[in-house]
Amino acid sequence: MNTTTGMNENDEIVATGIIVPAAWDADGNPTAFVIATYEEKEYLIDMGSPEGLRLAGMSGRRVRLAGTAGGMGENRPILQVARLDEL
């Protein structure tokens, strides 16, 4: 168990919030995204899945994501997205 987040890898996560860029390349293009939840938590989106890649075009939109914890990245829990619902 991660003592910072209290989560284990592969724990199920359901998060509702806004998609926000979290990192940018030298040209100012977003390269990583988080979901900022209404509970003031942030989950780094794993961009390795089709649903994760779809989120790259959804910055600023309200969504509900479901998936599993995939470790830590940039001091945030990583969310491996299995389901995406735009709200």
C-alpha atoms as a PDB file:
ATOM      1  CA  MET A   1       0.000   0.000   0.000  1.00  0.00           C
ATOM      2  CA  ASN A   2       1.176   3.496  -0.824  1.00  0.00           C
ATOM      3  CA  THR A   3       1.351   5.336   2.496  1.00  0.00           C
ATOM      4  CA  THR A   4       0.765   8.723   0.836  1.00  0.00           C
ATOM      5  CA  THR A   5      -2.428   7.815  -1.024  1.00  0.00           C
ATOM      6  CA  GLY A   6      -3.630   4.818   0.994  1.00  0.00           C
ATOM      7  CA  MET A   7      -4.152   2.934  -2.280  1.00  0.00           C
ATOM      8  CA  ASN A   8      -2.782  -0.306  -3.652  1.00  0.00           C
ATOM      9  CA  GLU A   9      -1.937  -0.860  -7.301  1.00  0.00           C
ATOM     10  CA  ASN A  10      -4.990  -2.241  -9.111  1.00  0.00           C
ATOM     11  CA  ASP A  11      -7.440  -0.704  -6.604  1.00  0.00           C
ATOM     12  CA  GLU A  12     -10.617   0.364  -8.393  1.00  0.00           C
ATOM     13  CA  ILE A  13     -11.113   4.115  -8.740  1.00  0.00           C
ATOM     14  CA  VAL A  14     -14.146   6.118  -9.815  1.00  0.00           C
ATOM     15  CA  ALA A  15     -13.468   9.850 -10.080  1.00  0.00           C
ATOM     16  CA  THR A  16     -15.646  12.759 -11.183  1.00  0.00           C
ATOM     17  CA  GLY A  17     -14.073  16.087 -12.034  1.00  0.00           C
ATOM     18  CA  ILE A  18     -12.441  18.286 -14.667  1.00  0.00           C
ATOM     19  CA  ILE A  19      -9.665  17.252 -17.080  1.00  0.00           C
ATOM     20  CA  VAL A  20      -6.685  19.592 -16.694  1.00  0.00           C
ATOM     21  CA  PRO A  21      -3.258  19.656 -18.408  1.00  0.00           C
ATOM     22  CA  ALA A  22      -0.447  18.714 -16.013  1.00  0.00           C
ATOM     23  CA  ALA A  23       2.727  18.922 -18.157  1.00  0.00           C
ATOM     24  CA  TRP A  24       3.731  20.660 -21.381  1.00  0.00           C
ATOM     25  CA  ASP A  25       6.397  20.229 -24.076  1.00  0.00           C
ATOM     26  CA  ALA A  26       8.827  22.973 -25.160  1.00  0.00           C
ATOM     27  CA  ASP A  27       6.220  24.344 -27.590  1.00  0.00           C
ATOM     28  CA  GLY A  28       3.539  24.653 -24.907  1.00  0.00           C
ATOM     29  CA  ASN A  29       1.501  21.619 -25.993  1.00  0.00           C
ATOM     30  CA  PRO A  30       0.034  19.514 -23.159  1.00  0.00           C
ATOM     31  CA  THR A  31       1.745  16.146 -22.744  1.00  0.00           C
ATOM     32  CA  ALA A  32       0.059  14.879 -19.569  1.00  0.00           C
ATOM     33  CA  PHE A  33      -3.372  15.317 -18.004  1.00  0.00           C
ATOM     34  CA  VAL A  34      -4.985  14.891 -14.592  1.00  0.00           C
ATOM     35  CA  ILE A  35      -8.538  14.659 -13.419  1.00  0.00           C
ATOM     36  CA  ALA A  36      -9.033  17.249 -10.685  1.00  0.00           C
ATOM     37  CA  THR A  37     -11.887  15.913  -8.558  1.00  0.00           C
ATOM     38  CA  TYR A  38     -14.445  17.761  -6.490  1.00  0.00           C
ATOM     39  CA  GLU A  39     -12.874  16.144  -3.403  1.00  0.00           C
ATOM     40  CA  GLU A  40      -9.648  18.072  -4.197  1.00  0.00           C
ATOM     41  CA  LYS A  41      -7.781  14.940  -5.345  1.00  0.00           C
ATOM     42  CA  GLU A  42      -5.794  14.663  -8.550  1.00  0.00           C
ATOM     43  CA  TYR A  43      -5.160  11.497 -10.549  1.00  0.00           C
ATOM     44  CA  LEU A  44      -2.582  11.451 -13.338  1.00  0.00           C
ATOM     45  CA  ILE A  45      -4.156   9.881 -16.429  1.00  0.00           C
ATOM     46  CA  ASP A  46      -2.351   6.882 -17.948  1.00  0.00           C
ATOM     47  CA  MET A  47      -2.230   7.860 -21.629  1.00  0.00           C
ATOM     48  CA  GLY A  48      -1.497   4.264 -22.700  1.00  0.00           C
ATOM     49  CA  SER A  49      -5.132   3.274 -23.246  1.00  0.00           C
ATOM     50  CA  PRO A  50      -7.617   4.393 -25.914  1.00  0.00           C
ATOM     51  CA  GLU A  51      -9.755   6.051 -23.227  1.00  0.00           C
ATOM     52  CA  GLY A  52      -6.709   7.810 -21.789  1.00  0.00           C
ATOM     53  CA  LEU A  53      -5.722   9.116 -25.234  1.00  0.00           C
ATOM     54  CA  ARG A  54      -9.276  10.328 -25.816  1.00  0.00           C
ATOM     55  CA  LEU A  55      -8.935  12.574 -22.757  1.00  0.00           C
ATOM     56  CA  ALA A  56      -6.170  14.572 -24.454  1.00  0.00           C
ATOM     57  CA  GLY A  57      -8.869  16.375 -26.439  1.00  0.00           C
ATOM     58  CA  MET A  58     -11.141  16.939 -23.449  1.00  0.00           C
ATOM     59  CA  SER A  59      -9.257  19.544 -21.428  1.00  0.00           C
ATOM     60  CA  GLY A  60     -11.647  21.620 -19.315  1.00  0.00           C
ATOM     61  CA  ARG A  61     -14.513  19.154 -19.642  1.00  0.00           C
ATOM     62  CA  ARG A  62     -16.403  17.522 -16.778  1.00  0.00           C
ATOM     63  CA  VAL A  63     -16.084  13.719 -16.796  1.00  0.00           C
ATOM     64  CA  ARG A  64     -16.539  10.586 -14.717  1.00  0.00           C
ATOM     65  CA  LEU A  65     -13.683   8.109 -15.043  1.00  0.00           C
ATOM     66  CA  ALA A  66     -13.494   4.534 -13.837  1.00  0.00           C
ATOM     67  CA  GLY A  67     -10.399   2.384 -13.813  1.00  0.00           C
ATOM     68  CA  THR A  68      -7.618   1.055 -11.633  1.00  0.00           C
ATOM     69  CA  ALA A  69      -4.715   2.539  -9.714  1.00  0.00           C
ATOM     70  CA  GLY A  70      -1.440   2.090 -11.540  1.00  0.00           C
ATOM     71  CA  GLY A  71       1.210   3.295  -9.122  1.00  0.00           C
ATOM     72  CA  MET A  72       2.504   6.843  -8.738  1.00  0.00           C
ATOM     73  CA  GLY A  73       3.694   9.431 -11.258  1.00  0.00           C
ATOM     74  CA  GLU A  74       4.769  13.027 -10.611  1.00  0.00           C
ATOM     75  CA  ASN A  75       3.674  12.647  -6.966  1.00  0.00           C
ATOM     76  CA  ARG A  76       0.123  11.714  -7.998  1.00  0.00           C
ATOM     77  CA  PRO A  77      -1.654   8.371  -8.204  1.00  0.00           C
ATOM     78  CA  ILE A  78      -1.915   7.137 -11.792  1.00  0.00           C
ATOM     79  CA  LEU A  79      -5.375   6.221 -13.082  1.00  0.00           C
ATOM     80  CA  GLN A  80      -5.542   3.564 -15.800  1.00  0.00           C
ATOM     81  CA  VAL A  81      -8.845   4.524 -17.419  1.00  0.00           C
ATOM     82  CA  ALA A  82     -11.242   1.726 -18.372  1.00  0.00           C
ATOM     83  CA  ARG A  83     -14.419   3.794 -18.765  1.00  0.00           C
ATOM     84  CA  LEU A  84     -15.010   7.450 -19.596  1.00  0.00           C
ATOM     85  CA  ASP A  85     -18.341   9.286 -19.363  1.00  0.00           C
ATOM     86  CA  GLU A  86     -18.594  12.936 -20.362  1.00  0.00           C
ATOM     87  CA  LEU A  87     -21.026  14.755 -18.076  1.00  0.00           C
END
